[in-house]
């Protein structure tokens, strides 16, 4: 199997439920980035040995992915990776764009000037990280940028639904691919926050998220693993 290990946090978590969630996230990431291609069989005992964990949390993590439509259980063969379709990516990012746009709309009038300045600082650091090709920093700062907006919206239920949608998106996409979010899209979001323009903020965020889906589609297309 792929030599990449599950997150170091998986070895430190204190409960089986958390560990199964780590396994679930790891396998989903491998599928969404094309490392576990369609048709591949994942056997519980093999993956458990590879990750250095017991079979129970692995089985639970794989069953969760089965329920989400990423895997199919086939008797005596194991869990089979199902094909990712273009419509799947459209659906995932369409929902994410709707939720993120609404959070941006609300945040535009609720961010304090201190928070706007913090958003600008993160944006500036992101520009530097992209120019330096520092994928780890880009991933972290991009998350910080969106987290600040989402939390400032003060809409916990929408943020919770967005978190569910985000669970289907590769967590380390920028870090592992070197494909970075466009600066001009993020700049437009920042300017909308500075001018306290809710509709501009929502529109800019929607464009940004939908474009991210297009980037992921192209990435998977280039690998030849995205179905129609």
C-alpha atoms as a PDB file:
ATOM      1  CA  UNK A   1       0.000   0.000   0.000  1.00  0.00           C
ATOM      2  CA  UNK A   2       0.979   3.609  -0.182  1.00  0.00           C
ATOM      3  CA  UNK A   3       3.824   4.319   2.211  1.00  0.00           C
ATOM      4  CA  UNK A   4       2.217   7.465   3.592  1.00  0.00           C
ATOM      5  CA  UNK A   5       1.075   6.983   7.183  1.00  0.00           C
ATOM      6  CA  UNK A   6      -2.019   8.187   8.920  1.00  0.00           C
ATOM      7  CA  UNK A   7      -1.653  11.532  10.707  1.00  0.00           C
ATOM      8  CA  UNK A   8       0.639  11.391  13.772  1.00  0.00           C
ATOM      9  CA  UNK A   9      -2.373  12.445  15.789  1.00  0.00           C
ATOM     10  CA  UNK A  10      -3.847   9.012  15.110  1.00  0.00           C
ATOM     11  CA  UNK A  11      -1.204   7.425  17.286  1.00  0.00           C
ATOM     12  CA  UNK A  12      -1.969   9.805  20.132  1.00  0.00           C
ATOM     13  CA  UNK A  13      -5.752   9.870  20.281  1.00  0.00           C
ATOM     14  CA  UNK A  14      -7.256   8.410  23.351  1.00  0.00           C
ATOM     15  CA  UNK A  15     -10.418   6.762  22.065  1.00  0.00           C
ATOM     16  CA  UNK A  16     -11.457   4.294  19.396  1.00  0.00           C
ATOM     17  CA  UNK A  17     -14.036   6.695  18.005  1.00  0.00           C
ATOM     18  CA  UNK A  18     -11.394   9.333  17.406  1.00  0.00           C
ATOM     19  CA  UNK A  19      -9.028   6.768  15.940  1.00  0.00           C
ATOM     20  CA  UNK A  20     -11.659   5.472  13.519  1.00  0.00           C
ATOM     21  CA  UNK A  21     -12.272   9.076  12.455  1.00  0.00           C
ATOM     22  CA  UNK A  22      -8.527   9.428  11.776  1.00  0.00           C
ATOM     23  CA  UNK A  23      -8.587   6.299   9.629  1.00  0.00           C
ATOM     24  CA  UNK A  24     -11.692   7.546   7.831  1.00  0.00           C
ATOM     25  CA  UNK A  25     -10.040  10.902   7.093  1.00  0.00           C
ATOM     26  CA  UNK A  26      -6.831   9.225   5.919  1.00  0.00           C
ATOM     27  CA  UNK A  27      -8.565   6.891   3.459  1.00  0.00           C
ATOM     28  CA  UNK A  28     -10.859   9.657   2.188  1.00  0.00           C
ATOM     29  CA  UNK A  29      -7.802  11.824   1.551  1.00  0.00           C
ATOM     30  CA  UNK A  30      -6.128   9.012  -0.388  1.00  0.00           C
ATOM     31  CA  UNK A  31      -9.247   8.537  -2.519  1.00  0.00           C
ATOM     32  CA  UNK A  32      -9.834  12.245  -3.142  1.00  0.00           C
ATOM     33  CA  UNK A  33      -6.233  12.790  -4.243  1.00  0.00           C
ATOM     34  CA  UNK A  34      -6.148   9.735  -6.487  1.00  0.00           C
ATOM     35  CA  UNK A  35      -3.763   7.616  -4.429  1.00  0.00           C
ATOM     36  CA  UNK A  36      -6.429   4.973  -3.844  1.00  0.00           C
ATOM     37  CA  UNK A  37      -7.815   4.587  -7.347  1.00  0.00           C
ATOM     38  CA  UNK A  38     -11.261   3.309  -8.341  1.00  0.00           C
ATOM     39  CA  UNK A  39     -11.492  -0.470  -8.265  1.00  0.00           C
ATOM     40  CA  UNK A  40      -8.814  -0.900  -5.636  1.00  0.00           C
ATOM     41  CA  UNK A  41      -9.610  -3.290  -2.799  1.00  0.00           C
ATOM     42  CA  UNK A  42      -8.861  -2.246   0.770  1.00  0.00           C
ATOM     43  CA  UNK A  43      -8.706  -5.125   3.216  1.00  0.00           C
ATOM     44  CA  UNK A  44      -9.216  -4.290   6.867  1.00  0.00           C
ATOM     45  CA  UNK A  45      -6.306  -6.373   8.159  1.00  0.00           C
ATOM     46  CA  UNK A  46      -3.880  -5.021   5.548  1.00  0.00           C
ATOM     47  CA  UNK A  47      -4.741  -1.387   6.241  1.00  0.00           C
ATOM     48  CA  UNK A  48      -4.617  -1.959  10.006  1.00  0.00           C
ATOM     49  CA  UNK A  49      -1.117  -3.431   9.707  1.00  0.00           C
ATOM     50  CA  UNK A  50      -0.018  -0.607   7.437  1.00  0.00           C
ATOM     51  CA  UNK A  51      -1.260   2.070   9.843  1.00  0.00           C
ATOM     52  CA  UNK A  52      -0.171   0.243  12.981  1.00  0.00           C
ATOM     53  CA  UNK A  53      -3.604   0.173  14.581  1.00  0.00           C
ATOM     54  CA  UNK A  54      -6.127  -2.531  15.458  1.00  0.00           C
ATOM     55  CA  UNK A  55      -8.709  -3.733  12.956  1.00  0.00           C
ATOM     56  CA  UNK A  56     -11.740  -2.463  14.885  1.00  0.00           C
ATOM     57  CA  UNK A  57     -11.262   1.288  14.297  1.00  0.00           C
ATOM     58  CA  UNK A  58     -10.160   0.571  10.732  1.00  0.00           C
ATOM     59  CA  UNK A  59     -13.336  -1.388  10.076  1.00  0.00           C
ATOM     60  CA  UNK A  60     -15.426   1.415  11.605  1.00  0.00           C
ATOM     61  CA  UNK A  61     -13.651   4.036   9.501  1.00  0.00           C
ATOM     62  CA  UNK A  62     -14.165   2.034   6.317  1.00  0.00           C
ATOM     63  CA  UNK A  63     -17.820   1.416   7.140  1.00  0.00           C
ATOM     64  CA  UNK A  64     -18.298   5.177   7.541  1.00  0.00           C
ATOM     65  CA  UNK A  65     -16.803   5.739   4.092  1.00  0.00           C
ATOM     66  CA  UNK A  66     -19.068   3.021   2.720  1.00  0.00           C
ATOM     67  CA  UNK A  67     -22.058   4.957   4.024  1.00  0.00           C
ATOM     68  CA  UNK A  68     -20.726   8.105   2.343  1.00  0.00           C
ATOM     69  CA  UNK A  69     -20.485   6.392  -1.043  1.00  0.00           C
ATOM     70  CA  UNK A  70     -16.695   6.150  -1.274  1.00  0.00           C
ATOM     71  CA  UNK A  71     -16.466   2.375  -0.798  1.00  0.00           C
ATOM     72  CA  UNK A  72     -18.470  -0.793  -1.420  1.00  0.00           C
ATOM     73  CA  UNK A  73     -18.089  -3.919   0.703  1.00  0.00           C
ATOM     74  CA  UNK A  74     -17.658  -7.080  -1.353  1.00  0.00           C
ATOM     75  CA  UNK A  75     -17.688 -10.490   0.394  1.00  0.00           C
ATOM     76  CA  UNK A  76     -14.270 -12.140   0.761  1.00  0.00           C
ATOM     77  CA  UNK A  77     -12.590  -9.310  -1.118  1.00  0.00           C
ATOM     78  CA  UNK A  78     -12.835  -6.311   1.166  1.00  0.00           C
ATOM     79  CA  UNK A  79     -13.872  -2.729   0.589  1.00  0.00           C
ATOM     80  CA  UNK A  80     -13.718  -1.644  -3.050  1.00  0.00           C
ATOM     81  CA  UNK A  81     -13.001   1.999  -3.937  1.00  0.00           C
ATOM     82  CA  UNK A  82     -15.848   3.413  -6.024  1.00  0.00           C
ATOM     83  CA  UNK A  83     -15.320   5.746  -8.955  1.00  0.00           C
ATOM     84  CA  UNK A  84     -15.341   9.469  -8.259  1.00  0.00           C
ATOM     85  CA  UNK A  85     -17.625  11.218 -10.708  1.00  0.00           C
ATOM     86  CA  UNK A  86     -17.521  14.780 -11.940  1.00  0.00           C
ATOM     87  CA  UNK A  87     -21.026  15.248 -10.567  1.00  0.00           C
ATOM     88  CA  UNK A  88     -19.764  14.203  -7.118  1.00  0.00           C
ATOM     89  CA  UNK A  89     -17.240  17.050  -7.122  1.00  0.00           C
ATOM     90  CA  UNK A  90     -19.889  19.464  -8.423  1.00  0.00           C
ATOM     91  CA  UNK A  91     -22.257  18.450  -5.630  1.00  0.00           C
ATOM     92  CA  UNK A  92     -19.645  18.670  -2.874  1.00  0.00           C
ATOM     93  CA  UNK A  93     -18.373  22.087  -3.878  1.00  0.00           C
ATOM     94  CA  UNK A  94     -21.827  23.381  -4.754  1.00  0.00           C
ATOM     95  CA  UNK A  95     -23.029  22.761  -1.211  1.00  0.00           C
ATOM     96  CA  UNK A  96     -19.797  24.126   0.223  1.00  0.00           C
ATOM     97  CA  UNK A  97     -20.088  27.282  -1.916  1.00  0.00           C
ATOM     98  CA  UNK A  98     -23.666  27.930  -0.749  1.00  0.00           C
ATOM     99  CA  UNK A  99     -22.759  27.600   2.927  1.00  0.00           C
ATOM    100  CA  UNK A 100     -19.459  29.487   2.739  1.00  0.00           C
ATOM    101  CA  UNK A 101     -21.098  32.317   0.793  1.00  0.00           C
ATOM    102  CA  UNK A 102     -23.778  32.749   3.453  1.00  0.00           C
ATOM    103  CA  UNK A 103     -21.175  32.789   6.221  1.00  0.00           C
ATOM    104  CA  UNK A 104     -19.161  35.405   4.306  1.00  0.00           C
ATOM    105  CA  UNK A 105     -22.310  37.501   3.833  1.00  0.00           C
ATOM    106  CA  UNK A 106     -22.935  37.531   7.573  1.00  0.00           C
ATOM    107  CA  UNK A 107     -19.299  38.019   8.518  1.00  0.00           C
ATOM    108  CA  UNK A 108     -19.003  41.136   6.342  1.00  0.00           C
ATOM    109  CA  UNK A 109     -21.042  43.179   8.820  1.00  0.00           C
ATOM    110  CA  UNK A 110     -19.890  41.424  11.986  1.00  0.00           C
ATOM    111  CA  UNK A 111     -16.102  41.375  11.693  1.00  0.00           C
ATOM    112  CA  UNK A 112     -14.462  43.876  14.014  1.00  0.00           C
ATOM    113  CA  UNK A 113     -11.775  46.127  12.536  1.00  0.00           C
ATOM    114  CA  UNK A 114      -9.262  44.152  14.553  1.00  0.00           C
ATOM    115  CA  UNK A 115     -10.459  40.981  12.840  1.00  0.00           C
ATOM    116  CA  UNK A 116     -10.357  42.656   9.420  1.00  0.00           C
ATOM    117  CA  UNK A 117      -6.745  43.622  10.085  1.00  0.00           C
ATOM    118  CA  UNK A 118      -5.981  40.059  11.144  1.00  0.00           C
ATOM    119  CA  UNK A 119      -7.588  38.791   7.937  1.00  0.00           C
ATOM    120  CA  UNK A 120      -5.374  41.171   5.945  1.00  0.00           C
ATOM    121  CA  UNK A 121      -2.291  39.947   7.793  1.00  0.00           C
ATOM    122  CA  UNK A 122      -3.109  36.311   7.026  1.00  0.00           C
ATOM    123  CA  UNK A 123      -3.730  37.240   3.388  1.00  0.00           C
ATOM    124  CA  UNK A 124      -0.325  38.949   3.143  1.00  0.00           C
ATOM    125  CA  UNK A 125       1.416  35.942   4.698  1.00  0.00           C
ATOM    126  CA  UNK A 126      -0.388  33.671   2.249  1.00  0.00           C
ATOM    127  CA  UNK A 127       0.966  35.685  -0.683  1.00  0.00           C
ATOM    128  CA  UNK A 128       4.489  35.240   0.676  1.00  0.00           C
ATOM    129  CA  UNK A 129       3.956  31.499   1.263  1.00  0.00           C
ATOM    130  CA  UNK A 130       2.630  30.975  -2.270  1.00  0.00           C
ATOM    131  CA  UNK A 131       5.582  32.872  -3.760  1.00  0.00           C
ATOM    132  CA  UNK A 132       7.951  30.713  -1.699  1.00  0.00           C
ATOM    133  CA  UNK A 133       6.187  27.495  -2.712  1.00  0.00           C
ATOM    134  CA  UNK A 134       5.671  26.604   0.944  1.00  0.00           C
ATOM    135  CA  UNK A 135       2.742  24.213   0.666  1.00  0.00           C
ATOM    136  CA  UNK A 136       2.531  23.511   4.398  1.00  0.00           C
ATOM    137  CA  UNK A 137       2.254  27.222   5.205  1.00  0.00           C
ATOM    138  CA  UNK A 138      -0.238  27.789   2.376  1.00  0.00           C
ATOM    139  CA  UNK A 139      -2.479  25.033   3.730  1.00  0.00           C
ATOM    140  CA  UNK A 140      -2.337  26.395   7.286  1.00  0.00           C
ATOM    141  CA  UNK A 141      -2.831  30.055   6.353  1.00  0.00           C
ATOM    142  CA  UNK A 142      -5.647  29.313   3.923  1.00  0.00           C
ATOM    143  CA  UNK A 143      -7.453  27.459   6.708  1.00  0.00           C
ATOM    144  CA  UNK A 144      -6.828  30.391   9.064  1.00  0.00           C
ATOM    145  CA  UNK A 145      -8.263  32.849   6.514  1.00  0.00           C
ATOM    146  CA  UNK A 146     -11.511  30.937   6.072  1.00  0.00           C
ATOM    147  CA  UNK A 147     -11.811  29.985   9.743  1.00  0.00           C
ATOM    148  CA  UNK A 148     -11.672  33.644  10.792  1.00  0.00           C
ATOM    149  CA  UNK A 149     -14.510  34.514   8.407  1.00  0.00           C
ATOM    150  CA  UNK A 150     -16.634  31.507   9.326  1.00  0.00           C
ATOM    151  CA  UNK A 151     -16.311  32.055  13.074  1.00  0.00           C
ATOM    152  CA  UNK A 152     -16.998  35.772  12.756  1.00  0.00           C
ATOM    153  CA  UNK A 153     -20.325  35.058  11.052  1.00  0.00           C
ATOM    154  CA  UNK A 154     -21.641  33.921  14.446  1.00  0.00           C
ATOM    155  CA  UNK A 155     -23.792  31.271  12.772  1.00  0.00           C
ATOM    156  CA  UNK A 156     -22.764  28.002  14.446  1.00  0.00           C
ATOM    157  CA  UNK A 157     -25.344  25.796  12.744  1.00  0.00           C
ATOM    158  CA  UNK A 158     -24.300  26.894   9.254  1.00  0.00           C
ATOM    159  CA  UNK A 159     -20.642  26.540  10.257  1.00  0.00           C
ATOM    160  CA  UNK A 160     -21.375  23.020  11.477  1.00  0.00           C
ATOM    161  CA  UNK A 161     -22.997  22.101   8.148  1.00  0.00           C
ATOM    162  CA  UNK A 162     -20.027  23.570   6.301  1.00  0.00           C
ATOM    163  CA  UNK A 163     -17.683  21.442   8.406  1.00  0.00           C
ATOM    164  CA  UNK A 164     -19.587  18.353   7.229  1.00  0.00           C
ATOM    165  CA  UNK A 165     -19.226  19.435   3.588  1.00  0.00           C
ATOM    166  CA  UNK A 166     -15.533  20.159   4.102  1.00  0.00           C
ATOM    167  CA  UNK A 167     -14.971  16.637   5.415  1.00  0.00           C
ATOM    168  CA  UNK A 168     -15.354  15.440   1.813  1.00  0.00           C
ATOM    169  CA  UNK A 169     -12.578  17.748   0.581  1.00  0.00           C
ATOM    170  CA  UNK A 170      -8.880  16.758   0.801  1.00  0.00           C
ATOM    171  CA  UNK A 171      -7.484  18.259   4.001  1.00  0.00           C
ATOM    172  CA  UNK A 172      -3.981  18.703   2.608  1.00  0.00           C
ATOM    173  CA  UNK A 173      -4.788  19.431  -1.027  1.00  0.00           C
ATOM    174  CA  UNK A 174      -2.567  22.506  -1.373  1.00  0.00           C
ATOM    175  CA  UNK A 175       0.211  20.880   0.615  1.00  0.00           C
ATOM    176  CA  UNK A 176       0.283  17.674  -1.408  1.00  0.00           C
ATOM    177  CA  UNK A 177      -0.378  19.054  -4.904  1.00  0.00           C
ATOM    178  CA  UNK A 178       1.336  22.450  -4.962  1.00  0.00           C
ATOM    179  CA  UNK A 179      -1.809  23.908  -6.581  1.00  0.00           C
ATOM    180  CA  UNK A 180      -2.511  27.082  -4.637  1.00  0.00           C
ATOM    181  CA  UNK A 181      -5.648  29.242  -4.230  1.00  0.00           C
ATOM    182  CA  UNK A 182      -5.640  32.321  -6.529  1.00  0.00           C
ATOM    183  CA  UNK A 183      -4.565  35.522  -4.789  1.00  0.00           C
ATOM    184  CA  UNK A 184      -7.037  37.705  -6.676  1.00  0.00           C
ATOM    185  CA  UNK A 185     -10.030  35.695  -5.448  1.00  0.00           C
ATOM    186  CA  UNK A 186      -8.922  36.000  -1.839  1.00  0.00           C
ATOM    187  CA  UNK A 187      -8.168  39.704  -2.346  1.00  0.00           C
ATOM    188  CA  UNK A 188     -11.734  40.261  -3.539  1.00  0.00           C
ATOM    189  CA  UNK A 189     -13.070  38.568  -0.406  1.00  0.00           C
ATOM    190  CA  UNK A 190     -10.831  40.724   1.774  1.00  0.00           C
ATOM    191  CA  UNK A 191     -11.914  43.944   0.032  1.00  0.00           C
ATOM    192  CA  UNK A 192     -15.559  43.009   0.551  1.00  0.00           C
ATOM    193  CA  UNK A 193     -14.879  42.587   4.252  1.00  0.00           C
ATOM    194  CA  UNK A 194     -13.081  45.953   4.412  1.00  0.00           C
ATOM    195  CA  UNK A 195     -15.982  47.750   2.722  1.00  0.00           C
ATOM    196  CA  UNK A 196     -18.605  45.874   4.784  1.00  0.00           C
ATOM    197  CA  UNK A 197     -20.376  44.722   1.634  1.00  0.00           C
ATOM    198  CA  UNK A 198     -22.329  41.503   2.376  1.00  0.00           C
ATOM    199  CA  UNK A 199     -23.391  40.753  -1.205  1.00  0.00           C
ATOM    200  CA  UNK A 200     -19.917  41.349  -2.592  1.00  0.00           C
ATOM    201  CA  UNK A 201     -18.475  39.108   0.107  1.00  0.00           C
ATOM    202  CA  UNK A 202     -20.943  36.307  -0.648  1.00  0.00           C
ATOM    203  CA  UNK A 203     -20.375  36.529  -4.406  1.00  0.00           C
ATOM    204  CA  UNK A 204     -16.599  36.554  -4.012  1.00  0.00           C
ATOM    205  CA  UNK A 205     -16.640  33.587  -1.670  1.00  0.00           C
ATOM    206  CA  UNK A 206     -18.911  31.625  -4.000  1.00  0.00           C
ATOM    207  CA  UNK A 207     -16.563  32.215  -6.944  1.00  0.00           C
ATOM    208  CA  UNK A 208     -13.584  31.195  -4.822  1.00  0.00           C
ATOM    209  CA  UNK A 209     -15.110  27.927  -3.595  1.00  0.00           C
ATOM    210  CA  UNK A 210     -16.549  26.945  -6.971  1.00  0.00           C
ATOM    211  CA  UNK A 211     -13.163  27.570  -8.591  1.00  0.00           C
ATOM    212  CA  UNK A 212     -11.573  25.294  -5.990  1.00  0.00           C
ATOM    213  CA  UNK A 213     -13.884  22.540  -7.194  1.00  0.00           C
ATOM    214  CA  UNK A 214     -12.793  23.158 -10.798  1.00  0.00           C
ATOM    215  CA  UNK A 215      -9.142  22.907  -9.717  1.00  0.00           C
ATOM    216  CA  UNK A 216      -9.773  19.602  -7.939  1.00  0.00           C
ATOM    217  CA  UNK A 217     -11.650  18.259 -10.978  1.00  0.00           C
ATOM    218  CA  UNK A 218      -8.737  19.123 -13.267  1.00  0.00           C
ATOM    219  CA  UNK A 219      -6.283  17.549 -10.850  1.00  0.00           C
ATOM    220  CA  UNK A 220      -8.263  14.300 -10.807  1.00  0.00           C
ATOM    221  CA  UNK A 221      -8.851  14.450 -14.570  1.00  0.00           C
ATOM    222  CA  UNK A 222      -5.127  14.770 -15.172  1.00  0.00           C
ATOM    223  CA  UNK A 223      -4.648  11.601 -13.158  1.00  0.00           C
ATOM    224  CA  UNK A 224      -7.285   9.873 -15.259  1.00  0.00           C
ATOM    225  CA  UNK A 225      -9.390   8.798 -12.298  1.00  0.00           C
ATOM    226  CA  UNK A 226     -12.463  11.033 -12.539  1.00  0.00           C
ATOM    227  CA  UNK A 227     -15.547   9.428 -14.071  1.00  0.00           C
ATOM    228  CA  UNK A 228     -18.152  11.270 -16.085  1.00  0.00           C
END
